Amino acid sequence: MKKTLLTIITATALSSCCTVFTASKQNVTFMAPNGTKIYDVETNIKIAEVEKDNMVTTKIKKKITDKQLIARKDGYAPTPFILETEFNASSLWNFLFWPGFLVDLGTGKMFKWDNTIINVELEPETGTNE
């Protein structure tokens, strides 16, 4: 009985509105020419690749700060862009249980991606032929 009560109290203390109602990742759609690869600038890890219909949707983990990305495709100049962070209004329900603000802040769920559909415009690479 004590273990069950302790588990319930712990689960309640560690939960928060955004933790309960939102996911830690959010769908983001990139529109670009087929073959375009999207990379995270910080880690240089490929996040997505446009393979068909000039569009790809992928889940990207939410975070407190904006995320810098870069689009690359052979024959085109690398195109940097930013995935902007926005305050998640769902976290306002934490006024009912204030430690929930700390949990949402720590997990990054207090924020969400503002622009979830990104049109990437690539410019042809300019070569120096003399």
Protein backbone atom coordinates (compact mmCIF):
# COMPACT_ATOMS: atom_id res chain seq x y z
CA MET A 1 0.00 0.00 0.00
CA LYS A 2 2.82 2.39 0.89
CA LYS A 3 4.63 1.67 -2.39
CA THR A 4 1.48 2.33 -4.41
CA LEU A 5 0.83 5.61 -2.60
CA LEU A 6 4.48 6.64 -3.03
CA THR A 7 4.32 5.82 -6.76
CA ILE A 8 1.16 7.90 -7.23
CA ILE A 9 2.61 10.87 -5.32
CA THR A 10 5.88 10.68 -7.29
CA ALA A 11 4.08 10.45 -10.63
CA THR A 12 1.92 13.44 -9.74
CA ALA A 13 4.89 15.48 -8.53
CA LEU A 14 6.92 14.79 -11.66
CA SER A 15 4.14 15.35 -14.15
CA SER A 16 3.21 18.65 -15.70
CA CYS A 17 0.69 19.83 -18.25
CA CYS A 18 2.93 19.75 -21.29
CA THR A 19 4.48 16.47 -20.20
CA VAL A 20 1.02 14.93 -20.10
CA PHE A 21 -0.59 16.63 -23.11
CA THR A 22 2.23 17.11 -25.65
CA ALA A 23 4.96 14.98 -27.17
CA SER A 24 8.67 15.71 -26.87
CA LYS A 25 8.98 15.74 -30.68
CA GLN A 26 6.99 17.71 -33.22
CA ASN A 27 6.32 17.07 -36.91
CA VAL A 28 8.07 19.50 -39.26
CA THR A 29 7.54 19.43 -43.04
CA PHE A 30 10.27 20.53 -45.45
CA MET A 31 9.41 21.43 -49.04
CA ALA A 32 12.44 21.35 -51.37
CA PRO A 33 13.62 19.72 -54.60
CA ASN A 34 13.95 15.91 -54.49
CA GLY A 35 17.35 14.82 -53.18
CA THR A 36 17.71 17.73 -50.75
CA LYS A 37 19.18 16.70 -47.40
CA ILE A 38 18.45 18.62 -44.19
CA TYR A 39 21.19 18.68 -41.52
CA ASP A 40 21.41 19.94 -37.94
CA VAL A 41 24.18 22.57 -37.94
CA GLU A 42 25.31 21.80 -34.35
CA THR A 43 25.83 18.07 -34.84
CA ASN A 44 26.07 17.83 -38.67
CA ILE A 45 23.64 14.89 -38.48
CA LYS A 46 21.15 14.40 -41.31
CA ILE A 47 17.61 15.00 -40.05
CA ALA A 48 15.67 14.34 -43.25
CA GLU A 49 15.97 13.81 -47.00
CA VAL A 50 13.40 14.87 -49.58
CA GLU A 51 12.82 11.76 -51.68
CA LYS A 52 9.48 12.19 -53.44
CA ASP A 53 6.81 14.82 -54.11
CA ASN A 54 9.31 17.58 -53.18
CA MET A 55 8.27 17.18 -49.54
CA VAL A 56 9.28 15.29 -46.41
CA THR A 57 7.88 15.30 -42.87
CA THR A 58 9.99 14.32 -39.88
CA LYS A 59 9.77 14.54 -36.09
CA ILE A 60 12.23 16.91 -34.44
CA LYS A 61 12.81 17.03 -30.68
CA LYS A 62 11.62 20.26 -29.08
CA LYS A 63 14.11 22.46 -27.30
CA ILE A 64 14.31 25.79 -25.53
CA THR A 65 16.33 27.60 -28.21
CA ASP A 66 15.95 27.98 -31.97
CA LYS A 67 17.49 25.19 -34.07
CA GLN A 68 19.86 26.03 -36.90
CA LEU A 69 19.51 23.79 -39.95
CA ILE A 70 21.14 23.66 -43.37
CA ALA A 71 19.81 22.23 -46.64
CA ARG A 72 22.30 20.63 -49.05
CA LYS A 73 21.92 19.24 -52.55
CA ASP A 74 24.51 18.53 -55.25
CA GLY A 75 24.74 21.41 -57.70
CA TYR A 76 23.18 23.89 -55.26
CA ALA A 77 24.68 26.23 -52.67
CA PRO A 78 24.12 25.13 -49.04
CA THR A 79 21.10 26.99 -47.65
CA PRO A 80 21.02 27.73 -43.91
CA PHE A 81 17.74 28.44 -42.12
CA ILE A 82 16.34 28.49 -38.58
CA LEU A 83 13.60 26.44 -36.95
CA GLU A 84 12.14 28.95 -34.49
CA THR A 85 10.97 28.17 -30.95
CA GLU A 86 7.67 29.47 -29.58
CA PHE A 87 6.14 29.34 -26.08
CA ASN A 88 3.68 26.46 -25.66
CA ALA A 89 0.53 27.92 -24.08
CA SER A 90 -0.38 24.48 -22.66
CA SER A 91 2.25 25.02 -19.99
CA LEU A 92 0.14 27.82 -18.47
CA TRP A 93 -1.98 25.10 -16.84
CA ASN A 94 1.00 24.57 -14.54
CA PHE A 95 -0.28 27.40 -12.32
CA LEU A 96 -2.32 24.60 -10.70
CA PHE A 97 0.90 22.80 -9.74
CA TRP A 98 3.91 25.15 -10.04
CA PRO A 99 6.69 22.49 -10.03
CA GLY A 100 5.25 21.48 -13.40
CA PHE A 101 6.85 24.63 -14.88
CA LEU A 102 10.27 23.27 -13.92
CA VAL A 103 9.52 19.87 -15.45
CA ASP A 104 8.25 21.42 -18.70
CA LEU A 105 11.26 23.73 -18.85
CA GLY A 106 13.69 20.86 -18.23
CA THR A 107 12.12 18.60 -20.85
CA GLY A 108 11.77 21.39 -23.43
CA LYS A 109 8.03 20.77 -23.69
CA MET A 110 7.29 24.31 -22.53
CA PHE A 111 8.15 25.30 -26.10
CA LYS A 112 7.14 24.21 -29.59
CA TRP A 113 8.34 24.78 -33.14
CA ASP A 114 6.71 27.90 -34.60
CA ASN A 115 7.18 27.22 -38.30
CA THR A 116 6.24 23.59 -38.97
CA ILE A 117 6.10 23.91 -42.77
CA ILE A 118 9.33 25.20 -44.26
CA ASN A 119 9.81 26.00 -47.93
CA VAL A 120 13.52 25.66 -48.68
CA GLU A 121 14.58 27.64 -51.75
CA LEU A 122 17.90 26.42 -53.12
CA GLU A 123 20.10 28.57 -55.36
CA PRO A 124 22.24 26.96 -58.07
CA GLU A 125 25.90 26.79 -57.17
CA THR A 126 27.97 29.37 -58.99
CA GLY A 127 31.21 28.03 -60.40
CA THR A 128 34.22 30.03 -61.48
CA ASN A 129 34.99 28.92 -65.01
CA GLU A 130 37.75 30.95 -66.65
